Amino acid sequence: SKENTYFERSFKALHISDEERTSTPNEPETISFDKLMRSAAESNKLHLMLAVLVVAEWSYLEWAERVHTVPDLPFIYREWIDLHRGEYFQSVVAYLRKLLDKLSLDVAEREEATQAFLSAVRA
């Protein structure tokens, strides 16, 4: 898909080498969110994985829908926006939200999901 090659094409357009990509340290926000996503994935708990993923994808959707009318953006911006907006992406986010909402969680699991969701919002 276009998203699978988006970053490679963007790095090439920006003349960023593989060495630069691997040697440039991540920003604290990236480190924090990466840690949160890995923790959710490693937990093997669907409610945690969905809570974090819903925040990420829903945030992308809301942002992209707000800025998609900005004219004359270079492809590195325009394609990112286009990948994260529109009917198809709206349906993906709605599906993830519905999955999360439909989970039969006990009180402790619901609290875990809430905390993961809030942590993702803050990350």
Protein backbone atom coordinates (compact mmCIF):
# COMPACT_ATOMS: atom_id res chain seq x y z
CA SER A 1 0.00 0.00 0.00
CA LYS A 2 0.99 3.63 -0.30
CA GLU A 3 1.39 3.88 3.45
CA ASN A 4 3.92 1.05 3.45
CA THR A 5 6.25 3.03 1.19
CA TYR A 6 5.30 6.54 2.29
CA PHE A 7 8.17 7.00 4.73
CA GLU A 8 10.80 5.61 2.37
CA ARG A 9 9.64 7.93 -0.42
CA SER A 10 9.48 10.90 1.97
CA PHE A 11 12.98 10.30 3.31
CA LYS A 12 14.25 10.06 -0.26
CA ALA A 13 12.49 13.32 -1.23
CA LEU A 14 14.03 15.02 1.80
CA HIS A 15 17.48 13.57 0.98
CA ILE A 16 17.71 11.74 4.30
CA SER A 17 20.07 8.80 4.17
CA ASP A 18 19.57 5.43 5.85
CA GLU A 19 22.44 6.33 8.17
CA GLU A 20 20.76 9.59 9.20
CA ARG A 21 17.49 7.75 9.80
CA THR A 22 19.07 5.19 12.08
CA SER A 23 21.47 7.52 13.89
CA THR A 24 19.11 10.41 14.62
CA PRO A 25 17.75 10.03 18.15
CA ASN A 26 14.01 10.04 18.68
CA GLU A 27 12.36 12.97 20.40
CA PRO A 28 11.06 12.37 23.96
CA GLU A 29 7.45 12.32 22.72
CA THR A 30 8.27 9.63 20.17
CA ILE A 31 10.08 7.56 22.78
CA SER A 32 7.15 7.87 25.16
CA PHE A 33 4.52 6.87 22.60
CA ASP A 34 6.66 4.04 21.25
CA LYS A 35 7.08 2.68 24.78
CA LEU A 36 3.32 2.90 25.35
CA MET A 37 2.51 1.10 22.09
CA ARG A 38 5.07 -1.63 22.73
CA SER A 39 3.80 -2.10 26.27
CA ALA A 40 0.23 -2.45 25.02
CA ALA A 41 1.28 -4.91 22.32
CA GLU A 42 3.43 -6.97 24.69
CA SER A 43 0.59 -7.15 27.21
CA ASN A 44 -1.39 -9.34 24.78
CA LYS A 45 -4.49 -7.56 26.11
CA LEU A 46 -6.82 -6.50 23.33
CA HIS A 47 -8.35 -3.70 25.40
CA LEU A 48 -4.94 -2.07 25.91
CA MET A 49 -3.89 -2.47 22.30
CA LEU A 50 -7.15 -1.01 21.04
CA ALA A 51 -7.14 1.86 23.53
CA VAL A 52 -3.75 3.05 22.32
CA LEU A 53 -4.44 2.39 18.64
CA VAL A 54 -7.79 4.21 18.73
CA VAL A 55 -6.12 7.34 20.09
CA ALA A 56 -3.42 7.28 17.41
CA GLU A 57 -5.69 6.64 14.45
CA TRP A 58 -8.52 8.88 15.66
CA SER A 59 -6.04 11.71 16.23
CA TYR A 60 -4.65 11.30 12.72
CA LEU A 61 -8.18 11.33 11.29
CA GLU A 62 -9.27 14.46 13.14
CA TRP A 63 -6.10 16.33 12.23
CA ALA A 64 -6.17 15.29 8.58
CA GLU A 65 -9.83 16.24 8.18
CA ARG A 66 -9.07 19.72 9.52
CA VAL A 67 -6.06 20.45 7.30
CA HIS A 68 -6.93 18.68 4.04
CA THR A 69 -8.02 21.92 2.35
CA VAL A 70 -4.61 23.59 2.73
CA PRO A 71 -3.50 24.23 -0.87
CA ASP A 72 -0.25 23.38 -2.62
CA LEU A 73 1.35 21.15 -0.03
CA PRO A 74 4.38 19.06 -1.03
CA PHE A 75 3.59 15.34 -1.37
CA ILE A 76 5.19 14.49 1.99
CA TYR A 77 2.39 16.43 3.67
CA ARG A 78 -0.40 15.94 1.15
CA GLU A 79 -0.05 12.16 1.01
CA TRP A 80 0.10 11.81 4.80
CA ILE A 81 -3.09 13.84 5.05
CA ASP A 82 -4.79 11.87 2.27
CA LEU A 83 -3.83 8.54 3.86
CA HIS A 84 -5.52 9.59 7.11
CA ARG A 85 -8.81 11.09 5.96
CA GLY A 86 -11.86 10.34 3.90
CA GLU A 87 -14.57 7.70 4.02
CA TYR A 88 -12.27 4.68 4.08
CA PHE A 89 -10.12 5.93 6.94
CA GLN A 90 -13.21 7.13 8.81
CA SER A 91 -14.55 3.58 8.55
CA VAL A 92 -11.30 2.16 9.91
CA VAL A 93 -11.40 4.45 12.94
CA ALA A 94 -15.11 3.74 13.49
CA TYR A 95 -14.40 0.00 13.35
CA LEU A 96 -11.58 0.27 15.92
CA ARG A 97 -13.74 2.41 18.21
CA LYS A 98 -16.62 -0.06 17.92
CA LEU A 99 -14.30 -2.98 18.73
CA LEU A 100 -13.09 -1.19 21.84
CA ASP A 101 -16.60 -0.17 22.90
CA LYS A 102 -17.98 -3.70 22.46
CA LEU A 103 -15.40 -5.45 24.63
CA SER A 104 -16.87 -7.08 27.72
CA LEU A 105 -14.48 -5.73 30.30
CA ASP A 106 -14.53 -6.16 34.03
CA VAL A 107 -13.95 -3.13 36.25
CA ALA A 108 -10.17 -3.62 36.40
CA GLU A 109 -9.85 -4.08 32.62
CA ARG A 110 -12.01 -1.02 31.97
CA GLU A 111 -9.74 1.01 34.24
CA GLU A 112 -6.67 -0.35 32.44
CA ALA A 113 -8.16 0.61 29.08
CA THR A 114 -9.07 4.06 30.35
CA GLN A 115 -5.57 4.64 31.67
CA ALA A 116 -3.99 3.41 28.42
CA PHE A 117 -6.29 5.69 26.42
CA LEU A 118 -5.46 8.69 28.60
CA SER A 119 -1.74 7.91 28.50
CA ALA A 120 -1.90 7.80 24.70
CA VAL A 121 -3.67 11.16 24.61
CA ARG A 122 -0.95 12.68 26.80
CA ALA A 123 1.98 11.01 24.99
